[in-house]
Amino acid sequence: MRLPAATLNHGLENAQRMERLRTYRYCPQCGGPLQLANLKPGEPQRLHCGACRFVFYLDPKIAACAIIRVADRIVLLQRAIPPAYGRWVLPGGFVDAGEPVLQAAAREAWEEVRLRVAIGPLVGVYSYPQVTTVVVVYQAEVIGGRLQAADEALDARLFAPAEIPWQDLAFSSTRDALRDYLRVGAAALPPLRPSTP
């Protein structure tokens, strides 16, 4: 009997999730051994401590990125760190605990390409199976600074839509966000409104 592809994919995803869970062995609260168990019916197995009852939730990380337009071109930076060293991405990075996502997008633009930006409308939210990062992408407009490769960047450049190095983009979220942005077109998105940190 041949199983449907959806069933096989679900089984593979569960196996990969279980492997990730096994990388954590000890309770961060009391140091006791962590165990996998179904704590509630209908939910996936979770890591928990039998000694202090701590539940170790493996929550996703949030990243904030900006599609920064300068005239009719888009800012991309070339990564100077793994993963995807040397490939092109949107300016962005992880949101710090307690930091508003819009502020994180503006902060990362400054840190990586030395541009002060006004964060505008949401372009999209991107998540993928077996990827622990959820990427939030905004439209942005330059309000100060000078484009340059800064923190974690080998290079920073402006690309016209026809010049985007699609084959050398680092992540699916970069590719999908750029496609969404270009498909809708900047003119069809709501106008930018200043929202700087």
C-alpha atoms as a PDB file:
ATOM      1  CA  MET A   1       0.000   0.000   0.000  1.00  0.00           C
ATOM      2  CA  ARG A   2       1.346   3.425  -0.985  1.00  0.00           C
ATOM      3  CA  LEU A   3       0.780   6.315   1.434  1.00  0.00           C
ATOM      4  CA  PRO A   4      -0.236   9.762   0.123  1.00  0.00           C
ATOM      5  CA  ALA A   5       2.548  12.360  -0.115  1.00  0.00           C
ATOM      6  CA  ALA A   6       0.880  14.510   2.568  1.00  0.00           C
ATOM      7  CA  THR A   7       0.997  11.591   5.017  1.00  0.00           C
ATOM      8  CA  LEU A   8       4.647  10.878   4.200  1.00  0.00           C
ATOM      9  CA  ASN A   9       5.573  14.567   4.601  1.00  0.00           C
ATOM     10  CA  HIS A  10       3.756  14.728   7.943  1.00  0.00           C
ATOM     11  CA  GLY A  11       5.677  11.661   9.125  1.00  0.00           C
ATOM     12  CA  LEU A  12       8.989  13.183   8.015  1.00  0.00           C
ATOM     13  CA  GLU A  13       8.187  16.493   9.741  1.00  0.00           C
ATOM     14  CA  ASN A  14       7.353  14.646  12.983  1.00  0.00           C
ATOM     15  CA  ALA A  15      10.604  12.674  12.788  1.00  0.00           C
ATOM     16  CA  GLN A  16      12.619  15.872  12.248  1.00  0.00           C
ATOM     17  CA  ARG A  17      10.790  17.583  15.116  1.00  0.00           C
ATOM     18  CA  MET A  18      11.510  14.633  17.419  1.00  0.00           C
ATOM     19  CA  GLU A  19      15.204  14.790  16.500  1.00  0.00           C
ATOM     20  CA  ARG A  20      15.300  18.509  17.414  1.00  0.00           C
ATOM     21  CA  LEU A  21      13.610  17.752  20.733  1.00  0.00           C
ATOM     22  CA  ARG A  22      16.265  15.170  21.587  1.00  0.00           C
ATOM     23  CA  THR A  23      19.006  17.831  21.459  1.00  0.00           C
ATOM     24  CA  TYR A  24      17.775  19.202  24.789  1.00  0.00           C
ATOM     25  CA  ARG A  25      18.420  16.816  27.675  1.00  0.00           C
ATOM     26  CA  TYR A  26      18.323  18.775  30.925  1.00  0.00           C
ATOM     27  CA  CYS A  27      15.851  21.119  32.553  1.00  0.00           C
ATOM     28  CA  PRO A  28      17.015  24.767  32.454  1.00  0.00           C
ATOM     29  CA  GLN A  29      15.162  25.370  35.720  1.00  0.00           C
ATOM     30  CA  CYS A  30      16.392  22.580  38.015  1.00  0.00           C
ATOM     31  CA  GLY A  31      18.872  20.527  35.952  1.00  0.00           C
ATOM     32  CA  GLY A  32      16.736  17.380  36.046  1.00  0.00           C
ATOM     33  CA  PRO A  33      16.400  15.130  32.989  1.00  0.00           C
ATOM     34  CA  LEU A  34      13.887  16.193  30.344  1.00  0.00           C
ATOM     35  CA  GLN A  35      11.405  13.644  29.037  1.00  0.00           C
ATOM     36  CA  LEU A  36       9.132  13.562  25.992  1.00  0.00           C
ATOM     37  CA  ALA A  37       5.456  13.045  26.714  1.00  0.00           C
ATOM     38  CA  ASN A  38       1.961  13.924  25.549  1.00  0.00           C
ATOM     39  CA  LEU A  39       0.870  16.421  28.183  1.00  0.00           C
ATOM     40  CA  LYS A  40      -2.516  17.227  26.590  1.00  0.00           C
ATOM     41  CA  PRO A  41      -4.621  15.178  24.191  1.00  0.00           C
ATOM     42  CA  GLY A  42      -4.314  16.333  20.605  1.00  0.00           C
ATOM     43  CA  GLU A  43      -1.060  18.254  21.143  1.00  0.00           C
ATOM     44  CA  PRO A  44       2.382  17.084  20.017  1.00  0.00           C
ATOM     45  CA  GLN A  45       4.795  15.532  22.469  1.00  0.00           C
ATOM     46  CA  ARG A  46       6.616  18.118  24.557  1.00  0.00           C
ATOM     47  CA  LEU A  47       9.750  18.116  26.640  1.00  0.00           C
ATOM     48  CA  HIS A  48       9.065  18.360  30.348  1.00  0.00           C
ATOM     49  CA  CYS A  49      10.895  17.841  33.594  1.00  0.00           C
ATOM     50  CA  GLY A  50       9.605  15.057  35.834  1.00  0.00           C
ATOM     51  CA  ALA A  51      11.291  16.659  38.859  1.00  0.00           C
ATOM     52  CA  CYS A  52       9.963  20.235  38.787  1.00  0.00           C
ATOM     53  CA  ARG A  53       7.232  19.883  36.105  1.00  0.00           C
ATOM     54  CA  PHE A  54       8.794  22.585  33.884  1.00  0.00           C
ATOM     55  CA  VAL A  55       7.597  22.379  30.264  1.00  0.00           C
ATOM     56  CA  PHE A  56      10.266  23.246  27.695  1.00  0.00           C
ATOM     57  CA  TYR A  57       8.381  24.838  24.794  1.00  0.00           C
ATOM     58  CA  LEU A  58      10.387  25.131  21.588  1.00  0.00           C
ATOM     59  CA  ASP A  59       8.889  28.377  20.345  1.00  0.00           C
ATOM     60  CA  PRO A  60       9.889  29.995  17.059  1.00  0.00           C
ATOM     61  CA  LYS A  61      12.215  32.983  16.769  1.00  0.00           C
ATOM     62  CA  ILE A  62      10.898  36.140  15.111  1.00  0.00           C
ATOM     63  CA  ALA A  63      12.980  38.023  12.543  1.00  0.00           C
ATOM     64  CA  ALA A  64      12.119  41.462  11.150  1.00  0.00           C
ATOM     65  CA  CYS A  65      13.232  42.580   7.689  1.00  0.00           C
ATOM     66  CA  ALA A  66      12.719  45.615   5.488  1.00  0.00           C
ATOM     67  CA  ILE A  67      12.355  46.012   1.761  1.00  0.00           C
ATOM     68  CA  ILE A  68      13.998  49.405   1.496  1.00  0.00           C
ATOM     69  CA  ARG A  69      13.312  51.276  -1.701  1.00  0.00           C
ATOM     70  CA  VAL A  70      15.544  54.017  -3.028  1.00  0.00           C
ATOM     71  CA  ALA A  71      13.901  55.520  -6.112  1.00  0.00           C
ATOM     72  CA  ASP A  72      13.023  52.412  -8.145  1.00  0.00           C
ATOM     73  CA  ARG A  73      15.656  50.158  -6.636  1.00  0.00           C
ATOM     74  CA  ILE A  74      15.804  47.802  -3.627  1.00  0.00           C
ATOM     75  CA  VAL A  75      18.549  47.451  -1.010  1.00  0.00           C
ATOM     76  CA  LEU A  76      20.113  44.006  -0.596  1.00  0.00           C
ATOM     77  CA  LEU A  77      23.134  43.020   1.454  1.00  0.00           C
ATOM     78  CA  GLN A  78      25.574  40.179   0.989  1.00  0.00           C
ATOM     79  CA  ARG A  79      25.876  38.066   4.132  1.00  0.00           C
ATOM     80  CA  ALA A  80      29.237  37.968   5.920  1.00  0.00           C
ATOM     81  CA  ILE A  81      28.138  35.205   8.328  1.00  0.00           C
ATOM     82  CA  PRO A  82      26.732  31.689   8.028  1.00  0.00           C
ATOM     83  CA  PRO A  83      24.276  30.378   7.179  1.00  0.00           C
ATOM     84  CA  ALA A  84      24.301  31.319   3.501  1.00  0.00           C
ATOM     85  CA  TYR A  85      27.619  33.198   3.667  1.00  0.00           C
ATOM     86  CA  GLY A  86      28.083  35.338   0.540  1.00  0.00           C
ATOM     87  CA  ARG A  87      24.443  35.226  -0.498  1.00  0.00           C
ATOM     88  CA  TRP A  88      22.068  38.187  -0.751  1.00  0.00           C
ATOM     89  CA  VAL A  89      19.297  39.078   1.695  1.00  0.00           C
ATOM     90  CA  LEU A  90      17.071  41.901   2.814  1.00  0.00           C
ATOM     91  CA  PRO A  91      18.366  43.899   5.775  1.00  0.00           C
ATOM     92  CA  GLY A  92      16.949  42.233   8.879  1.00  0.00           C
ATOM     93  CA  GLY A  93      17.516  40.065  11.899  1.00  0.00           C
ATOM     94  CA  PHE A  94      16.124  38.678  15.113  1.00  0.00           C
ATOM     95  CA  VAL A  95      13.751  40.670  17.286  1.00  0.00           C
ATOM     96  CA  ASP A  96      15.003  41.125  20.845  1.00  0.00           C
ATOM     97  CA  ALA A  97      12.722  40.181  23.756  1.00  0.00           C
ATOM     98  CA  GLY A  98      10.389  43.107  24.464  1.00  0.00           C
ATOM     99  CA  GLU A  99      11.339  44.960  21.270  1.00  0.00           C
ATOM    100  CA  PRO A 100       8.511  46.001  18.915  1.00  0.00           C
ATOM    101  CA  VAL A 101       8.879  44.219  15.561  1.00  0.00           C
ATOM    102  CA  LEU A 102       8.782  47.497  13.581  1.00  0.00           C
ATOM    103  CA  GLN A 103      11.597  48.910  15.712  1.00  0.00           C
ATOM    104  CA  ALA A 104      13.635  45.754  15.148  1.00  0.00           C
ATOM    105  CA  ALA A 105      13.279  46.137  11.369  1.00  0.00           C
ATOM    106  CA  ALA A 106      14.459  49.768  11.552  1.00  0.00           C
ATOM    107  CA  ARG A 107      17.315  48.899  13.959  1.00  0.00           C
ATOM    108  CA  GLU A 108      18.551  46.078  11.729  1.00  0.00           C
ATOM    109  CA  ALA A 109      18.516  48.366   8.659  1.00  0.00           C
ATOM    110  CA  TRP A 110      20.787  50.792  10.498  1.00  0.00           C
ATOM    111  CA  GLU A 111      23.074  48.076  11.881  1.00  0.00           C
ATOM    112  CA  GLU A 112      23.526  46.238   8.584  1.00  0.00           C
ATOM    113  CA  VAL A 113      23.423  48.906   5.850  1.00  0.00           C
ATOM    114  CA  ARG A 114      23.661  52.233   7.778  1.00  0.00           C
ATOM    115  CA  LEU A 115      20.297  53.537   6.572  1.00  0.00           C
ATOM    116  CA  ARG A 116      17.723  55.187   8.824  1.00  0.00           C
ATOM    117  CA  VAL A 117      14.321  54.127   7.586  1.00  0.00           C
ATOM    118  CA  ALA A 118      10.650  54.862   8.062  1.00  0.00           C
ATOM    119  CA  ILE A 119       8.870  51.536   8.370  1.00  0.00           C
ATOM    120  CA  GLY A 120       5.738  51.299   6.268  1.00  0.00           C
ATOM    121  CA  PRO A 121       3.113  48.681   5.465  1.00  0.00           C
ATOM    122  CA  LEU A 122       3.505  44.976   6.106  1.00  0.00           C
ATOM    123  CA  VAL A 123       4.579  43.069   2.998  1.00  0.00           C
ATOM    124  CA  GLY A 124       4.086  39.613   4.529  1.00  0.00           C
ATOM    125  CA  VAL A 125       4.795  37.067   7.254  1.00  0.00           C
ATOM    126  CA  TYR A 126       6.761  33.999   6.152  1.00  0.00           C
ATOM    127  CA  SER A 127       7.123  30.623   7.851  1.00  0.00           C
ATOM    128  CA  TYR A 128       8.098  27.206   6.541  1.00  0.00           C
ATOM    129  CA  PRO A 129       7.983  23.591   7.768  1.00  0.00           C
ATOM    130  CA  GLN A 130      10.999  22.647   9.890  1.00  0.00           C
ATOM    131  CA  VAL A 131      12.269  26.251   9.942  1.00  0.00           C
ATOM    132  CA  THR A 132      12.248  27.688  13.450  1.00  0.00           C
ATOM    133  CA  THR A 133      12.218  31.342  12.347  1.00  0.00           C
ATOM    134  CA  VAL A 134       9.117  33.350  11.432  1.00  0.00           C
ATOM    135  CA  VAL A 135      10.078  36.287   9.205  1.00  0.00           C
ATOM    136  CA  VAL A 136       8.064  39.528   9.220  1.00  0.00           C
ATOM    137  CA  VAL A 137       8.803  41.816   6.261  1.00  0.00           C
ATOM    138  CA  TYR A 138       7.862  45.489   5.959  1.00  0.00           C
ATOM    139  CA  GLN A 139       8.153  48.084   3.246  1.00  0.00           C
ATOM    140  CA  ALA A 140      10.528  50.898   4.211  1.00  0.00           C
ATOM    141  CA  GLU A 141      11.777  54.223   2.923  1.00  0.00           C
ATOM    142  CA  VAL A 142      15.113  55.915   3.574  1.00  0.00           C
ATOM    143  CA  ILE A 143      15.029  58.990   5.813  1.00  0.00           C
ATOM    144  CA  GLY A 144      18.761  59.258   6.539  1.00  0.00           C
ATOM    145  CA  GLY A 145      22.183  57.637   6.461  1.00  0.00           C
ATOM    146  CA  ARG A 146      24.323  56.441   3.577  1.00  0.00           C
ATOM    147  CA  LEU A 147      24.182  52.934   2.103  1.00  0.00           C
ATOM    148  CA  GLN A 148      27.207  50.861   3.092  1.00  0.00           C
ATOM    149  CA  ALA A 149      28.079  47.339   4.147  1.00  0.00           C
ATOM    150  CA  ALA A 150      28.138  47.362   7.935  1.00  0.00           C
ATOM    151  CA  ASP A 151      27.534  44.701  10.611  1.00  0.00           C
ATOM    152  CA  GLU A 152      27.435  41.139   9.187  1.00  0.00           C
ATOM    153  CA  ALA A 153      27.608  42.373   5.568  1.00  0.00           C
ATOM    154  CA  LEU A 154      30.250  41.864   2.868  1.00  0.00           C
ATOM    155  CA  ASP A 155      28.518  44.271   0.494  1.00  0.00           C
ATOM    156  CA  ALA A 156      25.360  46.380   0.228  1.00  0.00           C
ATOM    157  CA  ARG A 157      23.889  47.434  -3.103  1.00  0.00           C
ATOM    158  CA  LEU A 158      20.837  48.826  -4.858  1.00  0.00           C
ATOM    159  CA  PHE A 159      19.134  46.503  -7.346  1.00  0.00           C
ATOM    160  CA  ALA A 160      16.523  47.332  -9.952  1.00  0.00           C
ATOM    161  CA  PRO A 161      13.832  44.595 -10.061  1.00  0.00           C
ATOM    162  CA  ALA A 162      15.365  43.143 -13.252  1.00  0.00           C
ATOM    163  CA  GLU A 163      18.805  42.978 -11.584  1.00  0.00           C
ATOM    164  CA  ILE A 164      17.852  41.057  -8.415  1.00  0.00           C
ATOM    165  CA  PRO A 165      20.219  38.055  -8.088  1.00  0.00           C
ATOM    166  CA  TRP A 166      17.411  35.497  -7.669  1.00  0.00           C
ATOM    167  CA  GLN A 167      19.760  32.488  -7.846  1.00  0.00           C
ATOM    168  CA  ASP A 168      22.004  33.945  -5.134  1.00  0.00           C
ATOM    169  CA  LEU A 169      19.339  34.889  -2.574  1.00  0.00           C
ATOM    170  CA  ALA A 170      19.991  33.315   0.817  1.00  0.00           C
ATOM    171  CA  PHE A 171      16.546  32.355   2.087  1.00  0.00           C
ATOM    172  CA  SER A 172      13.080  31.391   0.873  1.00  0.00           C
ATOM    173  CA  SER A 173      11.641  34.270   2.899  1.00  0.00           C
ATOM    174  CA  THR A 174      13.785  36.785   0.991  1.00  0.00           C
ATOM    175  CA  ARG A 175      12.686  35.328  -2.337  1.00  0.00           C
ATOM    176  CA  ASP A 176       9.007  35.139  -1.363  1.00  0.00           C
ATOM    177  CA  ALA A 177       8.901  38.632   0.142  1.00  0.00           C
ATOM    178  CA  LEU A 178      10.533  40.192  -2.920  1.00  0.00           C
ATOM    179  CA  ARG A 179       8.137  38.345  -5.238  1.00  0.00           C
ATOM    180  CA  ASP A 180       5.144  39.485  -3.178  1.00  0.00           C
ATOM    181  CA  TYR A 181       6.403  43.056  -3.097  1.00  0.00           C
ATOM    182  CA  LEU A 182       7.088  43.153  -6.844  1.00  0.00           C
ATOM    183  CA  ARG A 183       3.860  41.334  -7.739  1.00  0.00           C
ATOM    184  CA  VAL A 184       1.700  43.793  -5.819  1.00  0.00           C
ATOM    185  CA  GLY A 185       3.928  46.662  -6.840  1.00  0.00           C
ATOM    186  CA  ALA A 186       5.024  49.448  -4.541  1.00  0.00           C
ATOM    187  CA  ALA A 187       2.344  51.748  -5.968  1.00  0.00           C
ATOM    188  CA  ALA A 188      -0.419  49.354  -4.901  1.00  0.00           C
ATOM    189  CA  LEU A 189       0.780  49.151  -1.301  1.00  0.00           C
ATOM    190  CA  PRO A 190      -0.539  51.722   1.179  1.00  0.00           C
ATOM    191  CA  PRO A 191       1.579  54.880   1.401  1.00  0.00           C
ATOM    192  CA  LEU A 192       4.484  54.892   3.800  1.00  0.00           C
ATOM    193  CA  ARG A 193       3.969  56.531   7.154  1.00  0.00           C
ATOM    194  CA  PRO A 194       6.858  57.512   9.421  1.00  0.00           C
ATOM    195  CA  SER A 195       7.431  54.924  12.133  1.00  0.00           C
ATOM    196  CA  THR A 196      11.000  55.107  13.340  1.00  0.00           C
ATOM    197  CA  PRO A 197      12.429  53.873  16.644  1.00  0.00           C
END
